[in-house]
PDB file of N, CA and C in Angstrom:
ATOM      1  N   MET A   1       6.366  74.206  -2.622  1.00  0.00           N
ATOM      2  CA  MET A   1       7.364  73.226  -2.269  1.00  0.00           C
ATOM      3  C   MET A   1       6.712  72.006  -1.634  1.00  0.00           C
ATOM      4  N   LYS A   2       5.693  72.251  -0.865  1.00  0.00           N
ATOM      5  CA  LYS A   2       5.007  71.139  -0.215  1.00  0.00           C
ATOM      6  C   LYS A   2       4.340  70.226  -1.258  1.00  0.00           C
ATOM      7  N   ARG A   3       3.783  70.828  -2.314  1.00  0.00           N
ATOM      8  CA  ARG A   3       3.123  70.032  -3.357  1.00  0.00           C
ATOM      9  C   ARG A   3       4.114  69.129  -4.065  1.00  0.00           C
ATOM     10  N   SER A   4       5.287  69.607  -4.347  1.00  0.00           N
ATOM     11  CA  SER A   4       6.265  68.784  -5.038  1.00  0.00           C
ATOM     12  C   SER A   4       6.726  67.621  -4.159  1.00  0.00           C
ATOM     13  N   ALA A   5       6.808  67.817  -2.870  1.00  0.00           N
ATOM     14  CA  ALA A   5       7.180  66.734  -1.965  1.00  0.00           C
ATOM     15  C   ALA A   5       6.092  65.657  -1.948  1.00  0.00           C
ATOM     16  N   ILE A   6       4.839  66.084  -1.984  1.00  0.00           N
ATOM     17  CA  ILE A   6       3.725  65.130  -2.012  1.00  0.00           C
ATOM     18  C   ILE A   6       3.736  64.361  -3.333  1.00  0.00           C
ATOM     19  N   ARG A   7       3.966  65.054  -4.432  1.00  0.00           N
ATOM     20  CA  ARG A   7       4.026  64.406  -5.748  1.00  0.00           C
ATOM     21  C   ARG A   7       5.148  63.373  -5.795  1.00  0.00           C
ATOM     22  N   ILE A   8       6.275  63.712  -5.260  1.00  0.00           N
ATOM     23  CA  ILE A   8       7.418  62.776  -5.241  1.00  0.00           C
ATOM     24  C   ILE A   8       7.070  61.558  -4.385  1.00  0.00           C
ATOM     25  N   ALA A   9       6.437  61.782  -3.241  1.00  0.00           N
ATOM     26  CA  ALA A   9       6.061  60.670  -2.366  1.00  0.00           C
ATOM     27  C   ALA A   9       5.062  59.752  -3.056  1.00  0.00           C
ATOM     28  N   VAL A  10       4.081  60.330  -3.753  1.00  0.00           N
ATOM     29  CA  VAL A  10       3.101  59.531  -4.482  1.00  0.00           C
ATOM     30  C   VAL A  10       3.774  58.742  -5.598  1.00  0.00           C
ATOM     31  N   LEU A  11       4.684  59.372  -6.329  1.00  0.00           N
ATOM     32  CA  LEU A  11       5.388  58.704  -7.402  1.00  0.00           C
ATOM     33  C   LEU A  11       6.208  57.526  -6.886  1.00  0.00           C
ATOM     34  N   VAL A  12       6.908  57.734  -5.781  1.00  0.00           N
ATOM     35  CA  VAL A  12       7.692  56.651  -5.171  1.00  0.00           C
ATOM     36  C   VAL A  12       6.783  55.508  -4.754  1.00  0.00           C
ATOM     37  N   LEU A  13       5.642  55.833  -4.158  1.00  0.00           N
ATOM     38  CA  LEU A  13       4.689  54.819  -3.724  1.00  0.00           C
ATOM     39  C   LEU A  13       4.151  54.031  -4.921  1.00  0.00           C
ATOM     40  N   VAL A  14       3.788  54.703  -5.997  1.00  0.00           N
ATOM     41  CA  VAL A  14       3.283  54.029  -7.187  1.00  0.00           C
ATOM     42  C   VAL A  14       4.344  53.112  -7.782  1.00  0.00           C
ATOM     43  N   LEU A  15       5.572  53.584  -7.870  1.00  0.00           N
ATOM     44  CA  LEU A  15       6.652  52.751  -8.399  1.00  0.00           C
ATOM     45  C   LEU A  15       6.904  51.524  -7.526  1.00  0.00           C
ATOM     46  N   ALA A  16       6.840  51.693  -6.234  1.00  0.00           N
ATOM     47  CA  ALA A  16       7.047  50.566  -5.318  1.00  0.00           C
ATOM     48  C   ALA A  16       5.938  49.532  -5.476  1.00  0.00           C
ATOM     49  N   LEU A  17       4.696  49.998  -5.572  1.00  0.00           N
ATOM     50  CA  LEU A  17       3.576  49.066  -5.746  1.00  0.00           C
ATOM     51  C   LEU A  17       3.642  48.356  -7.093  1.00  0.00           C
ATOM     52  N   THR A  18       4.018  49.066  -8.134  1.00  0.00           N
ATOM     53  CA  THR A  18       4.155  48.459  -9.459  1.00  0.00           C
ATOM     54  C   THR A  18       5.226  47.374  -9.460  1.00  0.00           C
ATOM     55  N   ALA A  19       6.354  47.659  -8.846  1.00  0.00           N
ATOM     56  CA  ALA A  19       7.425  46.655  -8.772  1.00  0.00           C
ATOM     57  C   ALA A  19       6.960  45.435  -7.988  1.00  0.00           C
ATOM     58  N   GLY A  20       6.219  45.630  -6.927  1.00  0.00           N
ATOM     59  CA  GLY A  20       5.687  44.507  -6.140  1.00  0.00           C
ATOM     60  C   GLY A  20       4.715  43.666  -6.935  1.00  0.00           C
ATOM     61  N   LEU A  21       3.857  44.310  -7.719  1.00  0.00           N
ATOM     62  CA  LEU A  21       2.897  43.566  -8.531  1.00  0.00           C
ATOM     63  C   LEU A  21       3.602  42.766  -9.620  1.00  0.00           C
ATOM     64  N   LEU A  22       4.591  43.336 -10.258  1.00  0.00           N
ATOM     65  CA  LEU A  22       5.321  42.622 -11.299  1.00  0.00           C
ATOM     66  C   LEU A  22       6.027  41.402 -10.726  1.00  0.00           C
ATOM     67  N   THR A  23       6.577  41.529  -9.567  1.00  0.00           N
ATOM     68  CA  THR A  23       7.249  40.387  -8.929  1.00  0.00           C
ATOM     69  C   THR A  23       6.246  39.307  -8.540  1.00  0.00           C
ATOM     70  N   ALA A  24       5.103  39.705  -8.000  1.00  0.00           N
ATOM     71  CA  ALA A  24       4.084  38.749  -7.574  1.00  0.00           C
ATOM     72  C   ALA A  24       3.433  38.049  -8.750  1.00  0.00           C
ATOM     73  N   CYS A  25       3.413  38.651  -9.914  1.00  0.00           N
ATOM     74  CA  CYS A  25       2.761  38.077 -11.092  1.00  0.00           C
ATOM     75  C   CYS A  25       3.685  37.198 -11.911  1.00  0.00           C
ATOM     76  N   GLY A  26       4.770  36.747 -11.340  1.00  0.00           N
ATOM     77  CA  GLY A  26       5.620  35.796 -12.037  1.00  0.00           C
ATOM     78  C   GLY A  26       6.673  36.442 -12.886  1.00  0.00           C
ATOM     79  N   GLY A  27       7.265  37.492 -12.413  1.00  0.00           N
ATOM     80  CA  GLY A  27       8.295  38.166 -13.146  1.00  0.00           C
ATOM     81  C   GLY A  27       9.561  37.344 -13.296  1.00  0.00           C
ATOM     82  N   GLY A  28       9.728  36.282 -12.521  1.00  0.00           N
ATOM     83  CA  GLY A  28      10.949  35.484 -12.594  1.00  0.00           C
ATOM     84  C   GLY A  28      10.686  34.122 -13.170  1.00  0.00           C
ATOM     85  N   ASP A  29      11.768  33.423 -13.532  1.00  0.00           N
ATOM     86  CA  ASP A  29      11.647  32.050 -14.043  1.00  0.00           C
ATOM     87  C   ASP A  29      11.510  31.110 -12.869  1.00  0.00           C
ATOM     88  N   LYS A  30      10.447  30.327 -12.849  1.00  0.00           N
ATOM     89  CA  LYS A  30      10.291  29.309 -11.820  1.00  0.00           C
ATOM     90  C   LYS A  30       9.491  28.152 -12.409  1.00  0.00           C
ATOM     91  N   ALA A  31       9.768  26.981 -11.910  1.00  0.00           N
ATOM     92  CA  ALA A  31       9.072  25.797 -12.402  1.00  0.00           C
ATOM     93  C   ALA A  31       7.653  25.774 -11.866  1.00  0.00           C
ATOM     94  N   ALA A  32       6.712  25.423 -12.721  1.00  0.00           N
ATOM     95  CA  ALA A  32       5.323  25.316 -12.311  1.00  0.00           C
ATOM     96  C   ALA A  32       5.070  24.001 -11.581  1.00  0.00           C
ATOM     97  N   TYR A  33       5.803  22.964 -11.955  1.00  0.00           N
ATOM     98  CA  TYR A  33       5.571  21.641 -11.405  1.00  0.00           C
ATOM     99  C   TYR A  33       6.891  20.978 -10.993  1.00  0.00           C
ATOM    100  N   THR A  34       6.771  19.993 -10.118  1.00  0.00           N
ATOM    101  CA  THR A  34       7.878  19.093  -9.847  1.00  0.00           C
ATOM    102  C   THR A  34       7.664  17.902 -10.776  1.00  0.00           C
ATOM    103  N   ALA A  35       8.595  17.670 -11.664  1.00  0.00           N
ATOM    104  CA  ALA A  35       8.440  16.615 -12.671  1.00  0.00           C
ATOM    105  C   ALA A  35       8.113  15.278 -12.022  1.00  0.00           C
ATOM    106  N   GLY A  36       7.170  14.557 -12.621  1.00  0.00           N
ATOM    107  CA  GLY A  36       6.794  13.255 -12.110  1.00  0.00           C
ATOM    108  C   GLY A  36       5.390  12.892 -12.541  1.00  0.00           C
ATOM    109  N   THR A  37       4.851  11.848 -11.937  1.00  0.00           N
ATOM    110  CA  THR A  37       3.499  11.359 -12.237  1.00  0.00           C
ATOM    111  C   THR A  37       2.685  11.436 -10.949  1.00  0.00           C
ATOM    112  N   TYR A  38       1.500  12.023 -11.057  1.00  0.00           N
ATOM    113  CA  TYR A  38       0.644  12.274  -9.906  1.00  0.00           C
ATOM    114  C   TYR A  38      -0.764  11.763 -10.187  1.00  0.00           C
ATOM    115  N   THR A  39      -1.431  11.297  -9.136  1.00  0.00           N
ATOM    116  CA  THR A  39      -2.747  10.700  -9.288  1.00  0.00           C
ATOM    117  C   THR A  39      -3.740  11.372  -8.342  1.00  0.00           C
ATOM    118  N   GLY A  40      -4.920  11.654  -8.881  1.00  0.00           N
ATOM    119  CA  GLY A  40      -6.023  12.177  -8.083  1.00  0.00           C
ATOM    120  C   GLY A  40      -7.244  11.312  -8.326  1.00  0.00           C
ATOM    121  N   THR A  41      -8.109  11.249  -7.316  1.00  0.00           N
ATOM    122  CA  THR A  41      -9.321  10.427  -7.416  1.00  0.00           C
ATOM    123  C   THR A  41     -10.515  11.229  -6.927  1.00  0.00           C
ATOM    124  N   ALA A  42     -11.664  11.031  -7.581  1.00  0.00           N
ATOM    125  CA  ALA A  42     -12.911  11.679  -7.160  1.00  0.00           C
ATOM    126  C   ALA A  42     -14.083  10.753  -7.463  1.00  0.00           C
ATOM    127  N   GLN A  43     -15.186  10.996  -6.823  1.00  0.00           N
ATOM    128  CA  GLN A  43     -16.381  10.186  -7.015  1.00  0.00           C
ATOM    129  C   GLN A  43     -17.096  10.599  -8.288  1.00  0.00           C
ATOM    130  N   GLY A  44     -17.237   9.644  -9.206  1.00  0.00           N
ATOM    131  CA  GLY A  44     -17.946   9.884 -10.460  1.00  0.00           C
ATOM    132  C   GLY A  44     -19.388   9.436 -10.353  1.00  0.00           C
ATOM    133  N   TYR A  45     -20.036   9.232 -11.485  1.00  0.00           N
ATOM    134  CA  TYR A  45     -21.432   8.802 -11.505  1.00  0.00           C
ATOM    135  C   TYR A  45     -21.593   7.371 -11.015  1.00  0.00           C
ATOM    136  N   GLY A  46     -20.715   6.470 -11.484  1.00  0.00           N
ATOM    137  CA  GLY A  46     -20.856   5.069 -11.138  1.00  0.00           C
ATOM    138  C   GLY A  46     -19.869   4.582 -10.112  1.00  0.00           C
ATOM    139  N   GLY A  47     -18.874   5.363  -9.802  1.00  0.00           N
ATOM    140  CA  GLY A  47     -17.828   4.962  -8.862  1.00  0.00           C
ATOM    141  C   GLY A  47     -16.668   5.943  -8.942  1.00  0.00           C
ATOM    142  N   GLU A  48     -15.527   5.510  -8.485  1.00  0.00           N
ATOM    143  CA  GLU A  48     -14.378   6.399  -8.463  1.00  0.00           C
ATOM    144  C   GLU A  48     -13.790   6.607  -9.860  1.00  0.00           C
ATOM    145  N   VAL A  49     -13.346   7.831 -10.091  1.00  0.00           N
ATOM    146  CA  VAL A  49     -12.654   8.189 -11.319  1.00  0.00           C
ATOM    147  C   VAL A  49     -11.236   8.576 -10.903  1.00  0.00           C
ATOM    148  N   THR A  50     -10.250   8.011 -11.573  1.00  0.00           N
ATOM    149  CA  THR A  50      -8.847   8.272 -11.251  1.00  0.00           C
ATOM    150  C   THR A  50      -8.176   8.937 -12.438  1.00  0.00           C
ATOM    151  N   VAL A  51      -7.531  10.069 -12.159  1.00  0.00           N
ATOM    152  CA  VAL A  51      -6.801  10.792 -13.187  1.00  0.00           C
ATOM    153  C   VAL A  51      -5.320  10.731 -12.830  1.00  0.00           C
ATOM    154  N   THR A  52      -4.520  10.265 -13.769  1.00  0.00           N
ATOM    155  CA  THR A  52      -3.072  10.209 -13.593  1.00  0.00           C
ATOM    156  C   THR A  52      -2.443  11.182 -14.583  1.00  0.00           C
ATOM    157  N   ILE A  53      -1.684  12.123 -14.050  1.00  0.00           N
ATOM    158  CA  ILE A  53      -1.079  13.175 -14.873  1.00  0.00           C
ATOM    159  C   ILE A  53       0.438  13.121 -14.725  1.00  0.00           C
ATOM    160  N   THR A  54       1.106  13.143 -15.852  1.00  0.00           N
ATOM    161  CA  THR A  54       2.569  13.217 -15.868  1.00  0.00           C
ATOM    162  C   THR A  54       2.949  14.623 -16.310  1.00  0.00           C
ATOM    163  N   VAL A  55       3.898  15.225 -15.568  1.00  0.00           N
ATOM    164  CA  VAL A  55       4.319  16.587 -15.868  1.00  0.00           C
ATOM    165  C   VAL A  55       5.832  16.681 -15.928  1.00  0.00           C
ATOM    166  N   ASP A  56       6.312  17.664 -16.704  1.00  0.00           N
ATOM    167  CA  ASP A  56       7.702  18.049 -16.598  1.00  0.00           C
ATOM    168  C   ASP A  56       7.693  19.364 -15.810  1.00  0.00           C
ATOM    169  N   ALA A  57       8.760  20.110 -15.803  1.00  0.00           N
ATOM    170  CA  ALA A  57       8.823  21.305 -14.969  1.00  0.00           C
ATOM    171  C   ALA A  57       7.811  22.382 -15.356  1.00  0.00           C
ATOM    172  N   SER A  58       7.347  22.374 -16.611  1.00  0.00           N
ATOM    173  CA  SER A  58       6.485  23.466 -17.027  1.00  0.00           C
ATOM    174  C   SER A  58       5.180  23.070 -17.719  1.00  0.00           C
ATOM    175  N   SER A  59       4.956  21.775 -17.941  1.00  0.00           N
ATOM    176  CA  SER A  59       3.749  21.417 -18.677  1.00  0.00           C
ATOM    177  C   SER A  59       3.280  19.986 -18.378  1.00  0.00           C
ATOM    178  N   ILE A  60       2.037  19.738 -18.762  1.00  0.00           N
ATOM    179  CA  ILE A  60       1.457  18.399 -18.661  1.00  0.00           C
ATOM    180  C   ILE A  60       1.900  17.635 -19.910  1.00  0.00           C
ATOM    181  N   THR A  61       2.500  16.478 -19.696  1.00  0.00           N
ATOM    182  CA  THR A  61       2.986  15.691 -20.831  1.00  0.00           C
ATOM    183  C   THR A  61       2.109  14.481 -21.140  1.00  0.00           C
ATOM    184  N   ASP A  62       1.331  14.004 -20.158  1.00  0.00           N
ATOM    185  CA  ASP A  62       0.460  12.850 -20.398  1.00  0.00           C
ATOM    186  C   ASP A  62      -0.676  12.850 -19.403  1.00  0.00           C
ATOM    187  N   VAL A  63      -1.836  12.384 -19.838  1.00  0.00           N
ATOM    188  CA  VAL A  63      -3.016  12.275 -18.970  1.00  0.00           C
ATOM    189  C   VAL A  63      -3.701  10.960 -19.270  1.00  0.00           C
ATOM    190  N   THR A  64      -3.973  10.184 -18.234  1.00  0.00           N
ATOM    191  CA  THR A  64      -4.807   8.985 -18.384  1.00  0.00           C
ATOM    192  C   THR A  64      -5.911   9.049 -17.352  1.00  0.00           C
ATOM    193  N   ILE A  65      -7.071   8.564 -17.743  1.00  0.00           N
ATOM    194  CA  ILE A  65      -8.224   8.582 -16.851  1.00  0.00           C
ATOM    195  C   ILE A  65      -8.833   7.186 -16.832  1.00  0.00           C
ATOM    196  N   GLU A  66      -9.107   6.720 -15.626  1.00  0.00           N
ATOM    197  CA  GLU A  66      -9.769   5.431 -15.447  1.00  0.00           C
ATOM    198  C   GLU A  66     -11.082   5.655 -14.716  1.00  0.00           C
ATOM    199  N   GLY A  67     -12.119   5.054 -15.239  1.00  0.00           N
ATOM    200  CA  GLY A  67     -13.437   5.118 -14.611  1.00  0.00           C
ATOM    201  C   GLY A  67     -14.215   3.883 -14.989  1.00  0.00           C
ATOM    202  N   ALA A  68     -13.770   2.747 -14.511  1.00  0.00           N
ATOM    203  CA  ALA A  68     -14.340   1.453 -14.920  1.00  0.00           C
ATOM    204  C   ALA A  68     -15.829   1.329 -14.607  1.00  0.00           C
ATOM    205  N   ASP A  69     -16.305   2.058 -13.595  1.00  0.00           N
ATOM    206  CA  ASP A  69     -17.709   1.921 -13.213  1.00  0.00           C
ATOM    207  C   ASP A  69     -18.606   3.004 -13.807  1.00  0.00           C
ATOM    208  N   GLU A  70     -18.049   3.864 -14.663  1.00  0.00           N
ATOM    209  CA  GLU A  70     -18.873   4.868 -15.322  1.00  0.00           C
ATOM    210  C   GLU A  70     -19.696   4.209 -16.421  1.00  0.00           C
ATOM    211  N   THR A  71     -20.848   4.766 -16.709  1.00  0.00           N
ATOM    212  CA  THR A  71     -21.692   4.234 -17.776  1.00  0.00           C
ATOM    213  C   THR A  71     -20.905   4.248 -19.087  1.00  0.00           C
ATOM    214  N   PRO A  72     -20.664   3.075 -19.691  1.00  0.00           N
ATOM    215  CA  PRO A  72     -19.780   3.010 -20.860  1.00  0.00           C
ATOM    216  C   PRO A  72     -20.167   3.959 -21.996  1.00  0.00           C
ATOM    217  N   GLU A  73     -21.452   4.063 -22.296  1.00  0.00           N
ATOM    218  CA  GLU A  73     -21.884   4.875 -23.424  1.00  0.00           C
ATOM    219  C   GLU A  73     -21.877   6.374 -23.137  1.00  0.00           C
ATOM    220  N   VAL A  74     -21.807   6.767 -21.876  1.00  0.00           N
ATOM    221  CA  VAL A  74     -21.906   8.193 -21.521  1.00  0.00           C
ATOM    222  C   VAL A  74     -20.598   8.652 -20.880  1.00  0.00           C
ATOM    223  N   GLY A  75     -20.494   8.426 -19.580  1.00  0.00           N
ATOM    224  CA  GLY A  75     -19.288   8.861 -18.866  1.00  0.00           C
ATOM    225  C   GLY A  75     -18.036   8.165 -19.346  1.00  0.00           C
ATOM    226  N   GLY A  76     -18.139   6.872 -19.590  1.00  0.00           N
ATOM    227  CA  GLY A  76     -16.984   6.113 -20.071  1.00  0.00           C
ATOM    228  C   GLY A  76     -16.501   6.623 -21.424  1.00  0.00           C
ATOM    229  N   ALA A  77     -17.440   6.979 -22.279  1.00  0.00           N
ATOM    230  CA  ALA A  77     -17.092   7.488 -23.602  1.00  0.00           C
ATOM    231  C   ALA A  77     -16.463   8.878 -23.519  1.00  0.00           C
ATOM    232  N   ALA A  78     -16.742   9.619 -22.455  1.00  0.00           N
ATOM    233  CA  ALA A  78     -16.224  10.976 -22.304  1.00  0.00           C
ATOM    234  C   ALA A  78     -14.790  11.023 -21.786  1.00  0.00           C
ATOM    235  N   LEU A  79     -14.305   9.935 -21.222  1.00  0.00           N
ATOM    236  CA  LEU A  79     -12.996   9.951 -20.565  1.00  0.00           C
ATOM    237  C   LEU A  79     -11.849  10.323 -21.499  1.00  0.00           C
ATOM    238  N   ASP A  80     -11.817   9.770 -22.701  1.00  0.00           N
ATOM    239  CA  ASP A  80     -10.733  10.100 -23.638  1.00  0.00           C
ATOM    240  C   ASP A  80     -10.777  11.574 -24.039  1.00  0.00           C
ATOM    241  N   THR A  81     -11.990  12.081 -24.281  1.00  0.00           N
ATOM    242  CA  THR A  81     -12.151  13.483 -24.640  1.00  0.00           C
ATOM    243  C   THR A  81     -11.667  14.387 -23.504  1.00  0.00           C
ATOM    244  N   LEU A  82     -12.019  14.045 -22.284  1.00  0.00           N
ATOM    245  CA  LEU A  82     -11.622  14.848 -21.129  1.00  0.00           C
ATOM    246  C   LEU A  82     -10.105  14.802 -20.924  1.00  0.00           C
ATOM    247  N   ALA A  83      -9.508  13.632 -21.114  1.00  0.00           N
ATOM    248  CA  ALA A  83      -8.048  13.512 -20.986  1.00  0.00           C
ATOM    249  C   ALA A  83      -7.343  14.409 -21.992  1.00  0.00           C
ATOM    250  N   GLU A  84      -7.812  14.392 -23.223  1.00  0.00           N
ATOM    251  CA  GLU A  84      -7.210  15.228 -24.264  1.00  0.00           C
ATOM    252  C   GLU A  84      -7.405  16.711 -23.960  1.00  0.00           C
ATOM    253  N   SER A  85      -8.562  17.054 -23.411  1.00  0.00           N
ATOM    254  CA  SER A  85      -8.836  18.453 -23.066  1.00  0.00           C
ATOM    255  C   SER A  85      -7.882  18.948 -21.976  1.00  0.00           C
ATOM    256  N   ILE A  86      -7.632  18.119 -20.976  1.00  0.00           N
ATOM    257  CA  ILE A  86      -6.707  18.506 -19.902  1.00  0.00           C
ATOM    258  C   ILE A  86      -5.313  18.709 -20.452  1.00  0.00           C
ATOM    259  N   LYS A  87      -4.883  17.778 -21.298  1.00  0.00           N
ATOM    260  CA  LYS A  87      -3.530  17.876 -21.871  1.00  0.00           C
ATOM    261  C   LYS A  87      -3.403  19.116 -22.741  1.00  0.00           C
ATOM    262  N   THR A  88      -4.406  19.380 -23.567  1.00  0.00           N
ATOM    263  CA  THR A  88      -4.381  20.542 -24.448  1.00  0.00           C
ATOM    264  C   THR A  88      -4.428  21.850 -23.665  1.00  0.00           C
ATOM    265  N   ALA A  89      -5.308  21.916 -22.652  1.00  0.00           N
ATOM    266  CA  ALA A  89      -5.465  23.140 -21.852  1.00  0.00           C
ATOM    267  C   ALA A  89      -4.290  23.359 -20.914  1.00  0.00           C
ATOM    268  N   GLY A  90      -3.653  22.270 -20.522  1.00  0.00           N
ATOM    269  CA  GLY A  90      -2.557  22.386 -19.572  1.00  0.00           C
ATOM    270  C   GLY A  90      -3.044  22.671 -18.160  1.00  0.00           C
ATOM    271  N   SER A  91      -4.313  22.333 -17.901  1.00  0.00           N
ATOM    272  CA  SER A  91      -4.876  22.544 -16.575  1.00  0.00           C
ATOM    273  C   SER A  91      -6.137  21.710 -16.402  1.00  0.00           C
ATOM    274  N   ALA A  92      -6.680  21.748 -15.180  1.00  0.00           N
ATOM    275  CA  ALA A  92      -7.910  21.029 -14.889  1.00  0.00           C
ATOM    276  C   ALA A  92      -9.135  21.885 -15.198  1.00  0.00           C
ATOM    277  N   GLU A  93      -8.925  23.121 -15.580  1.00  0.00           N
ATOM    278  CA  GLU A  93     -10.023  24.039 -15.876  1.00  0.00           C
ATOM    279  C   GLU A  93     -10.442  23.867 -17.326  1.00  0.00           C
ATOM    280  N   ILE A  94     -11.283  22.867 -17.544  1.00  0.00           N
ATOM    281  CA  ILE A  94     -11.742  22.520 -18.888  1.00  0.00           C
ATOM    282  C   ILE A  94     -13.263  22.506 -18.909  1.00  0.00           C
ATOM    283  N   ASP A  95     -13.820  22.480 -20.101  1.00  0.00           N
ATOM    284  CA  ASP A  95     -15.258  22.313 -20.237  1.00  0.00           C
ATOM    285  C   ASP A  95     -15.598  20.848 -20.060  1.00  0.00           C
ATOM    286  N   GLY A  96     -16.761  20.574 -19.478  1.00  0.00           N
ATOM    287  CA  GLY A  96     -17.219  19.206 -19.333  1.00  0.00           C
ATOM    288  C   GLY A  96     -17.821  18.690 -20.629  1.00  0.00           C
ATOM    289  N   VAL A  97     -18.164  17.431 -20.633  1.00  0.00           N
ATOM    290  CA  VAL A  97     -18.809  16.813 -21.780  1.00  0.00           C
ATOM    291  C   VAL A  97     -20.304  16.775 -21.511  1.00  0.00           C
ATOM    292  N   ALA A  98     -21.089  17.302 -22.456  1.00  0.00           N
ATOM    293  CA  ALA A  98     -22.534  17.321 -22.316  1.00  0.00           C
ATOM    294  C   ALA A  98     -23.083  15.921 -22.121  1.00  0.00           C
ATOM    295  N   GLY A  99     -23.965  15.759 -21.153  1.00  0.00           N
ATOM    296  CA  GLY A  99     -24.555  14.463 -20.879  1.00  0.00           C
ATOM    297  C   GLY A  99     -23.749  13.636 -19.899  1.00  0.00           C
ATOM    298  N   ALA A 100     -22.544  14.066 -19.595  1.00  0.00           N
ATOM    299  CA  ALA A 100     -21.667  13.352 -18.659  1.00  0.00           C
ATOM    300  C   ALA A 100     -21.161  14.332 -17.601  1.00  0.00           C
ATOM    301  N   THR A 101     -22.078  15.110 -17.061  1.00  0.00           N
ATOM    302  CA  THR A 101     -21.704  16.182 -16.130  1.00  0.00           C
ATOM    303  C   THR A 101     -21.047  15.655 -14.870  1.00  0.00           C
ATOM    304  N   VAL A 102     -21.607  14.621 -14.267  1.00  0.00           N
ATOM    305  CA  VAL A 102     -21.039  14.096 -13.017  1.00  0.00           C
ATOM    306  C   VAL A 102     -19.643  13.524 -13.260  1.00  0.00           C
ATOM    307  N   THR A 103     -19.487  12.785 -14.335  1.00  0.00           N
ATOM    308  CA  THR A 103     -18.174  12.236 -14.682  1.00  0.00           C
ATOM    309  C   THR A 103     -17.194  13.376 -14.980  1.00  0.00           C
ATOM    310  N   SER A 104     -17.636  14.368 -15.729  1.00  0.00           N
ATOM    311  CA  SER A 104     -16.773  15.513 -16.059  1.00  0.00           C
ATOM    312  C   SER A 104     -16.314  16.233 -14.807  1.00  0.00           C
ATOM    313  N   ASP A 105     -17.250  16.466 -13.889  1.00  0.00           N
ATOM    314  CA  ASP A 105     -16.893  17.146 -12.632  1.00  0.00           C
ATOM    315  C   ASP A 105     -15.906  16.317 -11.810  1.00  0.00           C
ATOM    316  N   ALA A 106     -16.091  15.007 -11.810  1.00  0.00           N
ATOM    317  CA  ALA A 106     -15.166  14.128 -11.080  1.00  0.00           C
ATOM    318  C   ALA A 106     -13.779  14.176 -11.709  1.00  0.00           C
ATOM    319  N   VAL A 107     -13.724  14.162 -13.033  1.00  0.00           N
ATOM    320  CA  VAL A 107     -12.435  14.228 -13.724  1.00  0.00           C
ATOM    321  C   VAL A 107     -11.743  15.549 -13.398  1.00  0.00           C
ATOM    322  N   LYS A 108     -12.469  16.652 -13.448  1.00  0.00           N
ATOM    323  CA  LYS A 108     -11.873  17.956 -13.150  1.00  0.00           C
ATOM    324  C   LYS A 108     -11.356  18.012 -11.716  1.00  0.00           C
ATOM    325  N   ALA A 109     -12.109  17.476 -10.777  1.00  0.00           N
ATOM    326  CA  ALA A 109     -11.685  17.475  -9.381  1.00  0.00           C
ATOM    327  C   ALA A 109     -10.453  16.601  -9.172  1.00  0.00           C
ATOM    328  N   ALA A 110     -10.451  15.428  -9.759  1.00  0.00           N
ATOM    329  CA  ALA A 110      -9.304  14.524  -9.634  1.00  0.00           C
ATOM    330  C   ALA A 110      -8.056  15.106 -10.310  1.00  0.00           C
ATOM    331  N   ALA A 111      -8.245  15.729 -11.459  1.00  0.00           N
ATOM    332  CA  ALA A 111      -7.117  16.355 -12.160  1.00  0.00           C
ATOM    333  C   ALA A 111      -6.581  17.527 -11.343  1.00  0.00           C
ATOM    334  N   ALA A 112      -7.461  18.321 -10.753  1.00  0.00           N
ATOM    335  CA  ALA A 112      -7.020  19.444  -9.923  1.00  0.00           C
ATOM    336  C   ALA A 112      -6.214  18.926  -8.725  1.00  0.00           C
ATOM    337  N   ASP A 113      -6.644  17.828  -8.152  1.00  0.00           N
ATOM    338  CA  ASP A 113      -5.911  17.227  -7.034  1.00  0.00           C
ATOM    339  C   ASP A 113      -4.526  16.779  -7.467  1.00  0.00           C
ATOM    340  N   ALA A 114      -4.446  16.109  -8.602  1.00  0.00           N
ATOM    341  CA  ALA A 114      -3.150  15.633  -9.112  1.00  0.00           C
ATOM    342  C   ALA A 114      -2.219  16.804  -9.405  1.00  0.00           C
ATOM    343  N   LEU A 115      -2.755  17.860 -10.020  1.00  0.00           N
ATOM    344  CA  LEU A 115      -1.931  19.016 -10.343  1.00  0.00           C
ATOM    345  C   LEU A 115      -1.484  19.771  -9.073  1.00  0.00           C
ATOM    346  N   ALA A 116      -2.350  19.797  -8.068  1.00  0.00           N
ATOM    347  CA  ALA A 116      -1.961  20.433  -6.804  1.00  0.00           C
ATOM    348  C   ALA A 116      -0.776  19.683  -6.186  1.00  0.00           C
ATOM    349  N   GLN A 117      -0.796  18.371  -6.290  1.00  0.00           N
ATOM    350  CA  GLN A 117       0.343  17.585  -5.797  1.00  0.00           C
ATOM    351  C   GLN A 117       1.602  17.922  -6.593  1.00  0.00           C
ATOM    352  N   ALA A 118       1.476  18.073  -7.897  1.00  0.00           N
ATOM    353  CA  ALA A 118       2.622  18.391  -8.754  1.00  0.00           C
ATOM    354  C   ALA A 118       3.193  19.765  -8.462  1.00  0.00           C
ATOM    355  N   GLN A 119       2.359  20.665  -8.008  1.00  0.00           N
ATOM    356  CA  GLN A 119       2.804  22.018  -7.692  1.00  0.00           C
ATOM    357  C   GLN A 119       3.400  22.117  -6.292  1.00  0.00           C
ATOM    358  N   GLY A 120       3.245  21.039  -5.520  1.00  0.00           N
ATOM    359  CA  GLY A 120       3.801  21.008  -4.181  1.00  0.00           C
ATOM    360  C   GLY A 120       2.912  21.647  -3.217  1.00  0.00           C
TER     361      GLY A 120
END
């Protein structure tokens, strides 16, 4: 009889933990972002890089990147590719552009800042 009581207690504990994990992992409908346009800035290779991200409640709808002081042939050329990557990925966690590591890192940092603002 004692064994069955322990088994029941363990089962109840496992069910309670499972329910808690499902709730914590986004079991409900909630907005990821507050709709609007947000801007983040970070230090690039030649100067500041500014990422402006527009979001609706659940996704990134537009990304623009400005880096007027980045080397035009390297970092400057990477900005459009990075903007498209952020929009496609739906996050700031993207691969950088080879040869434009500092600019890529600045874009990722600025995008992460903008998205953090959008998430509140």
